[in-house]
PDB file of all heavy atoms in Angstrom:
ATOM      1  N   VAL A   1      27.641  10.851  18.684  1.00  0.00           N
ATOM      2  CA  VAL A   1      28.482  12.055  18.746  1.00  0.00           C
ATOM      3  C   VAL A   1      29.680  11.906  19.678  1.00  0.00           C
ATOM      4  O   VAL A   1      30.467  12.838  19.811  1.00  0.00           O
ATOM      5  CB  VAL A   1      27.655  13.309  19.133  1.00  0.00           C
ATOM      6  CG1 VAL A   1      26.510  13.525  18.150  1.00  0.00           C
ATOM      7  CG2 VAL A   1      27.160  13.241  20.564  1.00  0.00           C
ATOM      8  N   ALA A   2      29.825  10.759  20.278  1.00  0.00           N
ATOM      9  CA  ALA A   2      30.900  10.564  21.264  1.00  0.00           C
ATOM     10  C   ALA A   2      32.275  10.900  20.712  1.00  0.00           C
ATOM     11  O   ALA A   2      33.113  11.467  21.427  1.00  0.00           O
ATOM     12  CB  ALA A   2      30.879   9.131  21.797  1.00  0.00           C
ATOM     13  N   ASN A   3      32.521  10.587  19.458  1.00  0.00           N
ATOM     14  CA  ASN A   3      33.846  10.816  18.884  1.00  0.00           C
ATOM     15  C   ASN A   3      33.945  12.094  18.062  1.00  0.00           C
ATOM     16  O   ASN A   3      34.969  12.339  17.433  1.00  0.00           O
ATOM     17  CB  ASN A   3      34.259   9.612  18.025  1.00  0.00           C
ATOM     18  CG  ASN A   3      34.446   8.375  18.875  1.00  0.00           C
ATOM     19  OD1 ASN A   3      34.951   8.442  19.992  1.00  0.00           O
ATOM     20  ND2 ASN A   3      34.009   7.246  18.358  1.00  0.00           N
ATOM     21  N   LEU A   4      32.895  12.898  18.072  1.00  0.00           N
ATOM     22  CA  LEU A   4      32.939  14.169  17.349  1.00  0.00           C
ATOM     23  C   LEU A   4      33.656  15.219  18.177  1.00  0.00           C
ATOM     24  O   LEU A   4      33.539  15.245  19.413  1.00  0.00           O
ATOM     25  CB  LEU A   4      31.527  14.668  17.035  1.00  0.00           C
ATOM     26  CG  LEU A   4      30.656  13.835  16.095  1.00  0.00           C
ATOM     27  CD1 LEU A   4      29.317  14.539  15.880  1.00  0.00           C
ATOM     28  CD2 LEU A   4      31.345  13.580  14.771  1.00  0.00           C
ATOM     29  N   SER A   5      34.339  16.108  17.501  1.00  0.00           N
ATOM     30  CA  SER A   5      34.936  17.256  18.196  1.00  0.00           C
ATOM     31  C   SER A   5      33.808  18.211  18.595  1.00  0.00           C
ATOM     32  O   SER A   5      32.679  18.097  18.099  1.00  0.00           O
ATOM     33  CB  SER A   5      35.918  17.979  17.270  1.00  0.00           C
ATOM     34  OG  SER A   5      35.206  18.609  16.209  1.00  0.00           O
ATOM     35  N   ASP A   6      34.117  19.153  19.450  1.00  0.00           N
ATOM     36  CA  ASP A   6      33.113  20.146  19.835  1.00  0.00           C
ATOM     37  C   ASP A   6      32.626  20.925  18.614  1.00  0.00           C
ATOM     38  O   ASP A   6      31.439  21.208  18.486  1.00  0.00           O
ATOM     39  CB  ASP A   6      33.673  21.105  20.888  1.00  0.00           C
ATOM     40  CG  ASP A   6      33.791  20.474  22.264  1.00  0.00           C
ATOM     41  OD1 ASP A   6      33.346  19.314  22.448  1.00  0.00           O
ATOM     42  OD2 ASP A   6      34.326  21.142  23.173  1.00  0.00           O
ATOM     43  N   ALA A   7      33.548  21.242  17.705  1.00  0.00           N
ATOM     44  CA  ALA A   7      33.164  21.990  16.498  1.00  0.00           C
ATOM     45  C   ALA A   7      32.220  21.157  15.623  1.00  0.00           C
ATOM     46  O   ALA A   7      31.234  21.683  15.093  1.00  0.00           O
ATOM     47  CB  ALA A   7      34.407  22.384  15.715  1.00  0.00           C
ATOM     48  N   GLN A   8      32.495  19.870  15.488  1.00  0.00           N
ATOM     49  CA  GLN A   8      31.618  19.001  14.698  1.00  0.00           C
ATOM     50  C   GLN A   8      30.250  18.865  15.364  1.00  0.00           C
ATOM     51  O   GLN A   8      29.219  18.858  14.683  1.00  0.00           O
ATOM     52  CB  GLN A   8      32.260  17.622  14.527  1.00  0.00           C
ATOM     53  CG  GLN A   8      33.476  17.618  13.639  1.00  0.00           C
ATOM     54  CD  GLN A   8      34.221  16.300  13.695  1.00  0.00           C
ATOM     55  OE1 GLN A   8      34.451  15.744  14.774  1.00  0.00           O
ATOM     56  NE2 GLN A   8      34.612  15.801  12.526  1.00  0.00           N
ATOM     57  N   LEU A   9      30.246  18.747  16.688  1.00  0.00           N
ATOM     58  CA  LEU A   9      28.979  18.663  17.412  1.00  0.00           C
ATOM     59  C   LEU A   9      28.192  19.956  17.243  1.00  0.00           C
ATOM     60  O   LEU A   9      26.980  19.932  17.021  1.00  0.00           O
ATOM     61  CB  LEU A   9      29.220  18.365  18.891  1.00  0.00           C
ATOM     62  CG  LEU A   9      27.990  18.343  19.787  1.00  0.00           C
ATOM     63  CD1 LEU A   9      26.954  17.330  19.295  1.00  0.00           C
ATOM     64  CD2 LEU A   9      28.388  18.046  21.227  1.00  0.00           C
ATOM     65  N   ALA A  10      28.886  21.094  17.322  1.00  0.00           N
ATOM     66  CA  ALA A  10      28.223  22.391  17.138  1.00  0.00           C
ATOM     67  C   ALA A  10      27.596  22.475  15.753  1.00  0.00           C
ATOM     68  O   ALA A  10      26.468  22.971  15.602  1.00  0.00           O
ATOM     69  CB  ALA A  10      29.209  23.524  17.360  1.00  0.00           C
ATOM     70  N   GLU A  11      28.293  21.981  14.722  1.00  0.00           N
ATOM     71  CA  GLU A  11      27.752  21.969  13.367  1.00  0.00           C
ATOM     72  C   GLU A  11      26.505  21.088  13.287  1.00  0.00           C
ATOM     73  O   GLU A  11      25.513  21.456  12.654  1.00  0.00           O
ATOM     74  CB  GLU A  11      28.798  21.443  12.378  1.00  0.00           C
ATOM     75  CG  GLU A  11      29.889  22.417  12.043  1.00  0.00           C
ATOM     76  CD  GLU A  11      30.932  21.816  11.103  1.00  0.00           C
ATOM     77  OE1 GLU A  11      30.593  20.885  10.329  1.00  0.00           O
ATOM     78  OE2 GLU A  11      32.082  22.272  11.155  1.00  0.00           O
ATOM     79  N   ARG A  12      26.573  19.953  13.913  1.00  0.00           N
ATOM     80  CA  ARG A  12      25.430  19.022  13.894  1.00  0.00           C
ATOM     81  C   ARG A  12      24.227  19.644  14.594  1.00  0.00           C
ATOM     82  O   ARG A  12      23.094  19.526  14.128  1.00  0.00           O
ATOM     83  CB  ARG A  12      25.847  17.719  14.574  1.00  0.00           C
ATOM     84  CG  ARG A  12      24.846  16.642  14.476  1.00  0.00           C
ATOM     85  CD  ARG A  12      25.424  15.387  13.834  1.00  0.00           C
ATOM     86  NE  ARG A  12      24.401  14.375  13.811  1.00  0.00           N
ATOM     87  CZ  ARG A  12      24.475  13.212  14.429  1.00  0.00           C
ATOM     88  NH1 ARG A  12      25.558  12.885  15.085  1.00  0.00           N
ATOM     89  NH2 ARG A  12      23.482  12.365  14.361  1.00  0.00           N
ATOM     90  N   CYS A  13      24.469  20.298  15.728  1.00  0.00           N
ATOM     91  CA  CYS A  13      23.379  20.967  16.446  1.00  0.00           C
ATOM     92  C   CYS A  13      22.765  22.062  15.582  1.00  0.00           C
ATOM     93  O   CYS A  13      21.535  22.167  15.475  1.00  0.00           O
ATOM     94  CB  CYS A  13      23.891  21.571  17.753  1.00  0.00           C
ATOM     95  SG  CYS A  13      24.282  20.365  19.036  1.00  0.00           S
ATOM     96  N   SER A  14      23.612  22.852  14.970  1.00  0.00           N
ATOM     97  CA  SER A  14      23.136  23.952  14.138  1.00  0.00           C
ATOM     98  C   SER A  14      22.308  23.439  12.958  1.00  0.00           C
ATOM     99  O   SER A  14      21.305  24.050  12.589  1.00  0.00           O
ATOM    100  CB  SER A  14      24.331  24.764  13.640  1.00  0.00           C
ATOM    101  OG  SER A  14      23.897  25.888  12.938  1.00  0.00           O
ATOM    102  N   ALA A  15      22.703  22.302  12.410  1.00  0.00           N
ATOM    103  CA  ALA A  15      21.994  21.736  11.257  1.00  0.00           C
ATOM    104  C   ALA A  15      20.555  21.361  11.575  1.00  0.00           C
ATOM    105  O   ALA A  15      19.699  21.358  10.682  1.00  0.00           O
ATOM    106  CB  ALA A  15      22.749  20.514  10.725  1.00  0.00           C
ATOM    107  N   VAL A  16      20.261  21.032  12.839  1.00  0.00           N
ATOM    108  CA  VAL A  16      18.885  20.675  13.210  1.00  0.00           C
ATOM    109  C   VAL A  16      18.174  21.826  13.921  1.00  0.00           C
ATOM    110  O   VAL A  16      17.089  21.650  14.457  1.00  0.00           O
ATOM    111  CB  VAL A  16      18.823  19.381  14.064  1.00  0.00           C
ATOM    112  CG1 VAL A  16      19.359  18.200  13.292  1.00  0.00           C
ATOM    113  CG2 VAL A  16      19.507  19.555  15.397  1.00  0.00           C
ATOM    114  N   GLY A  17      18.812  22.990  13.933  1.00  0.00           N
ATOM    115  CA  GLY A  17      18.158  24.179  14.492  1.00  0.00           C
ATOM    116  C   GLY A  17      18.305  24.353  15.984  1.00  0.00           C
ATOM    117  O   GLY A  17      17.531  25.084  16.598  1.00  0.00           O
ATOM    118  N   THR A  18      19.295  23.697  16.573  1.00  0.00           N
ATOM    119  CA  THR A  18      19.549  23.869  18.009  1.00  0.00           C
ATOM    120  C   THR A  18      21.014  24.252  18.217  1.00  0.00           C
ATOM    121  O   THR A  18      21.836  23.426  18.592  1.00  0.00           O
ATOM    122  CB  THR A  18      19.248  22.587  18.810  1.00  0.00           C
ATOM    123  OG1 THR A  18      20.048  21.528  18.291  1.00  0.00           O
ATOM    124  CG2 THR A  18      17.799  22.208  18.754  1.00  0.00           C
ATOM    125  N   PRO A  19      21.344  25.504  17.920  1.00  0.00           N
ATOM    126  CA  PRO A  19      22.744  25.903  18.034  1.00  0.00           C
ATOM    127  C   PRO A  19      23.291  25.715  19.447  1.00  0.00           C
ATOM    128  O   PRO A  19      22.568  25.821  20.428  1.00  0.00           O
ATOM    129  CB  PRO A  19      22.737  27.379  17.641  1.00  0.00           C
ATOM    130  CG  PRO A  19      21.325  27.805  17.628  1.00  0.00           C
ATOM    131  CD  PRO A  19      20.460  26.596  17.587  1.00  0.00           C
ATOM    132  N   TRP A  20      24.551  25.397  19.513  1.00  0.00           N
ATOM    133  CA  TRP A  20      25.262  25.251  20.785  1.00  0.00           C
ATOM    134  C   TRP A  20      25.504  26.659  21.297  1.00  0.00           C
ATOM    135  O   TRP A  20      26.393  27.360  20.837  1.00  0.00           O
ATOM    136  CB  TRP A  20      26.567  24.511  20.561  1.00  0.00           C
ATOM    137  CG  TRP A  20      27.278  24.096  21.805  1.00  0.00           C
ATOM    138  CD1 TRP A  20      27.093  24.595  23.061  1.00  0.00           C
ATOM    139  CD2 TRP A  20      28.289  23.109  21.926  1.00  0.00           C
ATOM    140  NE1 TRP A  20      27.923  23.977  23.962  1.00  0.00           N
ATOM    141  CE2 TRP A  20      28.671  23.055  23.281  1.00  0.00           C
ATOM    142  CE3 TRP A  20      28.911  22.272  21.025  1.00  0.00           C
ATOM    143  CZ2 TRP A  20      29.652  22.187  23.745  1.00  0.00           C
ATOM    144  CZ3 TRP A  20      29.880  21.410  21.489  1.00  0.00           C
ATOM    145  CH2 TRP A  20      30.245  21.363  22.834  1.00  0.00           C
ATOM    146  N   GLU A  21      24.702  27.059  22.243  1.00  0.00           N
ATOM    147  CA  GLU A  21      24.731  28.438  22.727  1.00  0.00           C
ATOM    148  C   GLU A  21      25.832  28.659  23.754  1.00  0.00           C
ATOM    149  O   GLU A  21      26.293  27.723  24.410  1.00  0.00           O
ATOM    150  CB  GLU A  21      23.373  28.792  23.339  1.00  0.00           C
ATOM    151  CG  GLU A  21      22.255  28.731  22.323  1.00  0.00           C
ATOM    152  CD  GLU A  21      20.883  28.952  22.935  1.00  0.00           C
ATOM    153  OE1 GLU A  21      20.795  29.231  24.149  1.00  0.00           O
ATOM    154  OE2 GLU A  21      19.907  28.838  22.194  1.00  0.00           O
ATOM    155  N   GLU A  22      26.212  29.900  23.873  1.00  0.00           N
ATOM    156  CA  GLU A  22      27.220  30.318  24.854  1.00  0.00           C
ATOM    157  C   GLU A  22      26.842  29.818  26.250  1.00  0.00           C
ATOM    158  O   GLU A  22      25.699  29.951  26.671  1.00  0.00           O
ATOM    159  CB  GLU A  22      27.289  31.852  24.870  1.00  0.00           C
ATOM    160  CG  GLU A  22      28.282  32.440  25.830  1.00  0.00           C
ATOM    161  CD  GLU A  22      29.673  32.525  25.244  1.00  0.00           C
ATOM    162  OE1 GLU A  22      29.791  32.620  24.011  1.00  0.00           O
ATOM    163  OE2 GLU A  22      30.624  32.489  26.028  1.00  0.00           O
ATOM    164  N   GLY A  23      27.771  29.189  26.911  1.00  0.00           N
ATOM    165  CA  GLY A  23      27.545  28.721  28.278  1.00  0.00           C
ATOM    166  C   GLY A  23      26.995  27.308  28.388  1.00  0.00           C
ATOM    167  O   GLY A  23      26.915  26.761  29.480  1.00  0.00           O
ATOM    168  N   MET A  24      26.593  26.704  27.269  1.00  0.00           N
ATOM    169  CA  MET A  24      26.087  25.332  27.301  1.00  0.00           C
ATOM    170  C   MET A  24      27.255  24.364  27.457  1.00  0.00           C
ATOM    171  O   MET A  24      28.311  24.564  26.868  1.00  0.00           O
ATOM    172  CB  MET A  24      25.340  24.976  26.009  1.00  0.00           C
ATOM    173  CG  MET A  24      23.957  25.549  25.894  1.00  0.00           C
ATOM    174  SD  MET A  24      23.189  25.154  24.281  1.00  0.00           S
ATOM    175  CE  MET A  24      22.596  23.514  24.573  1.00  0.00           C
ATOM    176  N   THR A  25      27.028  23.328  28.215  1.00  0.00           N
ATOM    177  CA  THR A  25      28.024  22.265  28.310  1.00  0.00           C
ATOM    178  C   THR A  25      27.855  21.345  27.106  1.00  0.00           C
ATOM    179  O   THR A  25      26.835  21.384  26.405  1.00  0.00           O
ATOM    180  CB  THR A  25      27.845  21.440  29.589  1.00  0.00           C
ATOM    181  OG1 THR A  25      26.593  20.740  29.511  1.00  0.00           O
ATOM    182  CG2 THR A  25      27.897  22.310  30.840  1.00  0.00           C
ATOM    183  N   ARG A  26      28.818  20.481  26.901  1.00  0.00           N
ATOM    184  CA  ARG A  26      28.715  19.500  25.822  1.00  0.00           C
ATOM    185  C   ARG A  26      27.499  18.597  26.054  1.00  0.00           C
ATOM    186  O   ARG A  26      26.748  18.302  25.130  1.00  0.00           O
ATOM    187  CB  ARG A  26      29.998  18.673  25.733  1.00  0.00           C
ATOM    188  CG  ARG A  26      29.977  17.670  24.597  1.00  0.00           C
ATOM    189  CD  ARG A  26      31.297  16.893  24.497  1.00  0.00           C
ATOM    190  NE  ARG A  26      31.214  15.873  23.472  1.00  0.00           N
ATOM    191  CZ  ARG A  26      31.547  16.031  22.199  1.00  0.00           C
ATOM    192  NH1 ARG A  26      32.024  17.192  21.789  1.00  0.00           N
ATOM    193  NH2 ARG A  26      31.416  15.044  21.335  1.00  0.00           N
ATOM    194  N   GLY A  27      27.290  18.185  27.291  1.00  0.00           N
ATOM    195  CA  GLY A  27      26.145  17.341  27.614  1.00  0.00           C
ATOM    196  C   GLY A  27      24.821  18.024  27.311  1.00  0.00           C
ATOM    197  O   GLY A  27      23.884  17.387  26.808  1.00  0.00           O
ATOM    198  N   GLU A  28      24.732  19.309  27.594  1.00  0.00           N
ATOM    199  CA  GLU A  28      23.503  20.055  27.281  1.00  0.00           C
ATOM    200  C   GLU A  28      23.293  20.163  25.775  1.00  0.00           C
ATOM    201  O   GLU A  28      22.163  20.056  25.289  1.00  0.00           O
ATOM    202  CB  GLU A  28      23.564  21.446  27.910  1.00  0.00           C
ATOM    203  CG  GLU A  28      23.463  21.420  29.415  1.00  0.00           C
ATOM    204  CD  GLU A  28      23.795  22.748  30.073  1.00  0.00           C
ATOM    205  OE1 GLU A  28      24.570  23.545  29.490  1.00  0.00           O
ATOM    206  OE2 GLU A  28      23.288  22.981  31.182  1.00  0.00           O
ATOM    207  N   ALA A  29      24.393  20.335  25.030  1.00  0.00           N
ATOM    208  CA  ALA A  29      24.284  20.405  23.570  1.00  0.00           C
ATOM    209  C   ALA A  29      23.820  19.068  23.005  1.00  0.00           C
ATOM    210  O   ALA A  29      22.970  19.024  22.108  1.00  0.00           O
ATOM    211  CB  ALA A  29      25.628  20.809  22.965  1.00  0.00           C
ATOM    212  N   VAL A  30      24.349  17.973  23.538  1.00  0.00           N
ATOM    213  CA  VAL A  30      23.938  16.642  23.093  1.00  0.00           C
ATOM    214  C   VAL A  30      22.457  16.424  23.411  1.00  0.00           C
ATOM    215  O   VAL A  30      21.703  15.907  22.588  1.00  0.00           O
ATOM    216  CB  VAL A  30      24.825  15.546  23.716  1.00  0.00           C
ATOM    217  CG1 VAL A  30      24.269  14.153  23.436  1.00  0.00           C
ATOM    218  CG2 VAL A  30      26.260  15.666  23.201  1.00  0.00           C
ATOM    219  N   SER A  31      22.030  16.829  24.594  1.00  0.00           N
ATOM    220  CA  SER A  31      20.613  16.693  24.961  1.00  0.00           C
ATOM    221  C   SER A  31      19.716  17.511  24.051  1.00  0.00           C
ATOM    222  O   SER A  31      18.655  17.045  23.619  1.00  0.00           O
ATOM    223  CB  SER A  31      20.399  17.115  26.420  1.00  0.00           C
ATOM    224  OG  SER A  31      20.965  16.177  27.278  1.00  0.00           O
ATOM    225  N   ALA A  32      20.132  18.736  23.734  1.00  0.00           N
ATOM    226  CA  ALA A  32      19.349  19.584  22.833  1.00  0.00           C
ATOM    227  C   ALA A  32      19.264  18.953  21.449  1.00  0.00           C
ATOM    228  O   ALA A  32      18.200  18.957  20.815  1.00  0.00           O
ATOM    229  CB  ALA A  32      19.956  20.982  22.752  1.00  0.00           C
ATOM    230  N   LEU A  33      20.374  18.391  20.973  1.00  0.00           N
ATOM    231  CA  LEU A  33      20.392  17.710  19.678  1.00  0.00           C
ATOM    232  C   LEU A  33      19.456  16.506  19.689  1.00  0.00           C
ATOM    233  O   LEU A  33      18.665  16.308  18.755  1.00  0.00           O
ATOM    234  CB  LEU A  33      21.823  17.272  19.346  1.00  0.00           C
ATOM    235  CG  LEU A  33      22.013  16.438  18.082  1.00  0.00           C
ATOM    236  CD1 LEU A  33      21.570  17.211  16.840  1.00  0.00           C
ATOM    237  CD2 LEU A  33      23.468  16.010  17.966  1.00  0.00           C
ATOM    238  N   ALA A  34      19.518  15.719  20.738  1.00  0.00           N
ATOM    239  CA  ALA A  34      18.656  14.532  20.846  1.00  0.00           C
ATOM    240  C   ALA A  34      17.193  14.932  20.879  1.00  0.00           C
ATOM    241  O   ALA A  34      16.356  14.323  20.190  1.00  0.00           O
ATOM    242  CB  ALA A  34      19.021  13.731  22.091  1.00  0.00           C
ATOM    243  N   PHE A  35      16.864  15.959  21.649  1.00  0.00           N
ATOM    244  CA  PHE A  35      15.459  16.367  21.739  1.00  0.00           C
ATOM    245  C   PHE A  35      14.965  16.897  20.394  1.00  0.00           C
ATOM    246  O   PHE A  35      13.848  16.579  19.971  1.00  0.00           O
ATOM    247  CB  PHE A  35      15.242  17.406  22.839  1.00  0.00           C
ATOM    248  CG  PHE A  35      13.793  17.742  23.002  1.00  0.00           C
ATOM    249  CD1 PHE A  35      12.936  16.865  23.656  1.00  0.00           C
ATOM    250  CD2 PHE A  35      13.267  18.889  22.447  1.00  0.00           C
ATOM    251  CE1 PHE A  35      11.577  17.143  23.767  1.00  0.00           C
ATOM    252  CE2 PHE A  35      11.914  19.179  22.552  1.00  0.00           C
ATOM    253  CZ  PHE A  35      11.068  18.303  23.214  1.00  0.00           C
ATOM    254  N   ALA A  36      15.777  17.683  19.707  1.00  0.00           N
ATOM    255  CA  ALA A  36      15.368  18.202  18.398  1.00  0.00           C
ATOM    256  C   ALA A  36      15.165  17.054  17.409  1.00  0.00           C
ATOM    257  O   ALA A  36      14.226  17.072  16.609  1.00  0.00           O
ATOM    258  CB  ALA A  36      16.407  19.185  17.870  1.00  0.00           C
ATOM    259  N   THR A  37      16.027  16.067  17.475  1.00  0.00           N
ATOM    260  CA  THR A  37      15.905  14.896  16.600  1.00  0.00           C
ATOM    261  C   THR A  37      14.614  14.155  16.899  1.00  0.00           C
ATOM    262  O   THR A  37      13.853  13.798  15.997  1.00  0.00           O
ATOM    263  CB  THR A  37      17.126  13.965  16.783  1.00  0.00           C
ATOM    264  OG1 THR A  37      18.314  14.701  16.463  1.00  0.00           O
ATOM    265  CG2 THR A  37      17.026  12.732  15.908  1.00  0.00           C
ATOM    266  N   TRP A  38      14.335  13.929  18.177  1.00  0.00           N
ATOM    267  CA  TRP A  38      13.111  13.223  18.568  1.00  0.00           C
ATOM    268  C   TRP A  38      11.876  14.036  18.222  1.00  0.00           C
ATOM    269  O   TRP A  38      10.889  13.505  17.711  1.00  0.00           O
ATOM    270  CB  TRP A  38      13.141  12.906  20.063  1.00  0.00           C
ATOM    271  CG  TRP A  38      11.835  12.377  20.563  1.00  0.00           C
ATOM    272  CD1 TRP A  38      10.969  13.015  21.405  1.00  0.00           C
ATOM    273  CD2 TRP A  38      11.228  11.111  20.272  1.00  0.00           C
ATOM    274  NE1 TRP A  38       9.861  12.231  21.644  1.00  0.00           N
ATOM    275  CE2 TRP A  38      10.000  11.058  20.957  1.00  0.00           C
ATOM    276  CE3 TRP A  38      11.605  10.029  19.490  1.00  0.00           C
ATOM    277  CZ2 TRP A  38       9.152   9.962  20.879  1.00  0.00           C
ATOM    278  CZ3 TRP A  38      10.756   8.934  19.421  1.00  0.00           C
ATOM    279  CH2 TRP A  38       9.545   8.910  20.118  1.00  0.00           C
ATOM    280  N   ASP A  39      11.925  15.321  18.483  1.00  0.00           N
ATOM    281  CA  ASP A  39      10.765  16.176  18.265  1.00  0.00           C
ATOM    282  C   ASP A  39      10.346  16.197  16.793  1.00  0.00           C
ATOM    283  O   ASP A  39       9.172  16.398  16.490  1.00  0.00           O
ATOM    284  CB  ASP A  39      11.069  17.590  18.755  1.00  0.00           C
ATOM    285  CG  ASP A  39       9.824  18.392  19.029  1.00  0.00           C
ATOM    286  OD1 ASP A  39       8.850  17.832  19.586  1.00  0.00           O
ATOM    287  OD2 ASP A  39       9.815  19.595  18.693  1.00  0.00           O
ATOM    288  N   ALA A  40      11.295  15.965  15.888  1.00  0.00           N
ATOM    289  CA  ALA A  40      10.994  15.951  14.457  1.00  0.00           C
ATOM    290  C   ALA A  40      10.581  14.562  13.961  1.00  0.00           C
ATOM    291  O   ALA A  40      10.212  14.409  12.795  1.00  0.00           O
ATOM    292  CB  ALA A  40      12.213  16.439  13.673  1.00  0.00           C
ATOM    293  N   ALA A  41      10.608  13.581  14.831  1.00  0.00           N
ATOM    294  CA  ALA A  41      10.285  12.208  14.443  1.00  0.00           C
ATOM    295  C   ALA A  41       8.770  12.013  14.352  1.00  0.00           C
ATOM    296  O   ALA A  41       8.003  12.628  15.095  1.00  0.00           O
ATOM    297  CB  ALA A  41      10.873  11.227  15.460  1.00  0.00           C
ATOM    298  N   PRO A  42       8.328  11.145  13.453  1.00  0.00           N
ATOM    299  CA  PRO A  42       6.897  10.877  13.331  1.00  0.00           C
ATOM    300  C   PRO A  42       6.243  10.442  14.649  1.00  0.00           C
ATOM    301  O   PRO A  42       5.095  10.806  14.914  1.00  0.00           O
ATOM    302  CB  PRO A  42       6.834   9.756  12.290  1.00  0.00           C
ATOM    303  CG  PRO A  42       8.063   9.943  11.469  1.00  0.00           C
ATOM    304  CD  PRO A  42       9.113  10.422  12.440  1.00  0.00           C
ATOM    305  N   ALA A  43       6.952   9.700  15.473  1.00  0.00           N
ATOM    306  CA  ALA A  43       6.372   9.250  16.747  1.00  0.00           C
ATOM    307  C   ALA A  43       6.070  10.426  17.662  1.00  0.00           C
ATOM    308  O   ALA A  43       5.010  10.469  18.300  1.00  0.00           O
ATOM    309  CB  ALA A  43       7.321   8.273  17.437  1.00  0.00           C
ATOM    310  N   ALA A  44       6.969  11.377  17.744  1.00  0.00           N
ATOM    311  CA  ALA A  44       6.734  12.552  18.590  1.00  0.00           C
ATOM    312  C   ALA A  44       5.581  13.384  18.038  1.00  0.00           C
ATOM    313  O   ALA A  44       4.768  13.918  18.801  1.00  0.00           O
ATOM    314  CB  ALA A  44       8.006  13.385  18.707  1.00  0.00           C
TER     315      ALA A  44
END
């Protein structure tokens, strides 16, 4: 996501069910996206 715009990152977060909420930093949104991705993985 390094080269995604904030709007693209917000769309990606929303697609996995972790919307970029008011007051979240970009880093927090990336962390939420990563955790949602991991949490849905067979290993988790």
